Amino acid sequence: MKSIEQLIKVMNLIKRKINYDIDIKGVLLTRADRRTNIEKEIFEELQNIFPQKIFETIIHQNVKISQAQIEGKPINYFAPNSIGAKEYMALAREMIERG
């Protein structure tokens, strides 16, 4: 959560000094494990800080994604039928829909 506070400060600084039109398009949860209490708390806090900005798509903790990173390949090439690849494709569709 401290990183998010820092991000907000940087965004506000950029808005004031460089580009007042800059805005956060969305907030993406990655490496998520919604079974844990801490994850639920973080999600709720993010909803409070960024209302209407959290992507519906969540990228969950996934072995195939980790393996793809080690290999230096995109997940959609490394394991195109994996859950991680499907989640990233869902994110791409959601981003396109948001415009």
Protein backbone atom coordinates (compact mmCIF):
# COMPACT_ATOMS: atom_id res chain seq x y z
CA MET A 1 0.00 0.00 0.00
CA LYS A 2 2.98 2.32 0.54
CA SER A 3 3.88 1.91 -3.12
CA ILE A 4 0.38 2.99 -4.08
CA GLU A 5 0.68 6.10 -1.92
CA GLN A 6 3.96 6.91 -3.68
CA LEU A 7 2.38 6.31 -7.09
CA ILE A 8 -0.44 8.74 -6.26
CA LYS A 9 2.09 11.39 -5.19
CA VAL A 10 4.04 10.96 -8.43
CA MET A 11 0.85 11.10 -10.51
CA ASN A 12 -0.21 14.31 -8.76
CA LEU A 13 3.23 15.83 -9.33
CA ILE A 14 3.11 14.94 -13.02
CA LYS A 15 -0.38 16.44 -13.26
CA ARG A 16 0.79 19.70 -11.70
CA LYS A 17 4.09 20.07 -13.53
CA ILE A 18 3.90 18.26 -16.87
CA ASN A 19 0.51 16.97 -17.99
CA TYR A 20 -2.69 17.89 -16.18
CA ASP A 21 -4.68 15.52 -18.43
CA ILE A 22 -2.85 12.37 -17.30
CA ASP A 23 -5.06 9.88 -15.55
CA ILE A 24 -4.96 6.28 -14.37
CA LYS A 25 -6.76 4.13 -16.91
CA GLY A 26 -7.21 1.25 -14.52
CA VAL A 27 -5.80 -0.74 -11.66
CA LEU A 28 -4.77 -4.32 -12.32
CA LEU A 29 -4.34 -6.93 -9.61
CA THR A 30 -1.54 -9.35 -10.46
CA ARG A 31 -0.11 -12.38 -8.70
CA ALA A 32 -3.38 -12.39 -6.81
CA ASP A 33 -4.53 -15.11 -4.45
CA ARG A 34 -8.02 -14.08 -3.40
CA ARG A 35 -8.12 -16.89 -0.81
CA THR A 36 -5.92 -14.92 1.60
CA ASN A 37 -7.22 -12.31 4.02
CA ILE A 38 -4.46 -9.85 3.16
CA GLU A 39 -5.42 -10.01 -0.51
CA LYS A 40 -9.05 -9.29 0.36
CA GLU A 41 -7.99 -6.31 2.49
CA ILE A 42 -5.78 -4.93 -0.28
CA PHE A 43 -8.59 -5.34 -2.81
CA GLU A 44 -11.05 -3.48 -0.58
CA GLU A 45 -8.54 -0.68 0.04
CA LEU A 46 -7.87 -0.35 -3.68
CA GLN A 47 -11.60 -0.08 -4.32
CA ASN A 48 -11.72 2.79 -1.83
CA ILE A 49 -8.73 4.59 -3.36
CA PHE A 50 -9.59 3.94 -7.02
CA PRO A 51 -13.37 3.64 -7.27
CA GLN A 52 -14.51 2.46 -10.70
CA LYS A 53 -10.89 1.96 -11.83
CA ILE A 54 -10.15 -1.64 -10.87
CA PHE A 55 -10.17 -4.00 -13.83
CA GLU A 56 -12.59 -6.89 -13.51
CA THR A 57 -9.89 -9.15 -14.88
CA ILE A 58 -7.48 -10.38 -12.22
CA ILE A 59 -4.18 -12.05 -13.04
CA HIS A 60 -3.82 -14.82 -10.48
CA GLN A 61 -0.65 -16.39 -9.15
CA ASN A 62 0.24 -18.89 -11.85
CA VAL A 63 3.14 -21.30 -12.37
CA LYS A 64 2.99 -21.03 -16.16
CA ILE A 65 3.38 -17.25 -15.98
CA SER A 66 6.47 -17.68 -13.78
CA GLN A 67 7.90 -20.24 -16.18
CA ALA A 68 7.25 -17.96 -19.15
CA GLN A 69 9.08 -15.13 -17.38
CA ILE A 70 12.07 -17.39 -16.74
CA GLU A 71 12.10 -18.33 -20.43
CA GLY A 72 11.74 -14.68 -21.41
CA LYS A 73 8.62 -15.36 -23.46
CA PRO A 74 5.13 -13.90 -23.39
CA ILE A 75 2.65 -16.24 -21.72
CA ASN A 76 0.49 -16.35 -24.85
CA TYR A 77 3.45 -17.91 -26.73
CA PHE A 78 4.83 -20.02 -23.92
CA ALA A 79 1.54 -21.61 -22.80
CA PRO A 80 -1.32 -20.24 -24.91
CA ASN A 81 -3.96 -22.49 -23.33
CA SER A 82 -2.96 -21.77 -19.74
CA ILE A 83 -5.15 -19.92 -17.27
CA GLY A 84 -2.60 -17.10 -17.19
CA ALA A 85 -2.75 -16.65 -20.97
CA LYS A 86 -6.54 -16.61 -20.86
CA GLU A 87 -6.50 -14.01 -18.07
CA TYR A 88 -4.16 -11.74 -20.03
CA MET A 89 -6.36 -12.09 -23.12
CA ALA A 90 -9.37 -11.15 -20.99
CA LEU A 91 -7.44 -8.12 -19.77
CA ALA A 92 -6.64 -7.08 -23.35
CA ARG A 93 -10.33 -7.31 -24.27
CA GLU A 94 -11.32 -5.32 -21.20
CA MET A 95 -8.77 -2.61 -21.99
CA ILE A 96 -10.04 -2.36 -25.56
CA GLU A 97 -13.61 -2.06 -24.29
CA ARG A 98 -12.62 0.76 -21.94
CA GLY A 99 -11.07 2.60 -24.85
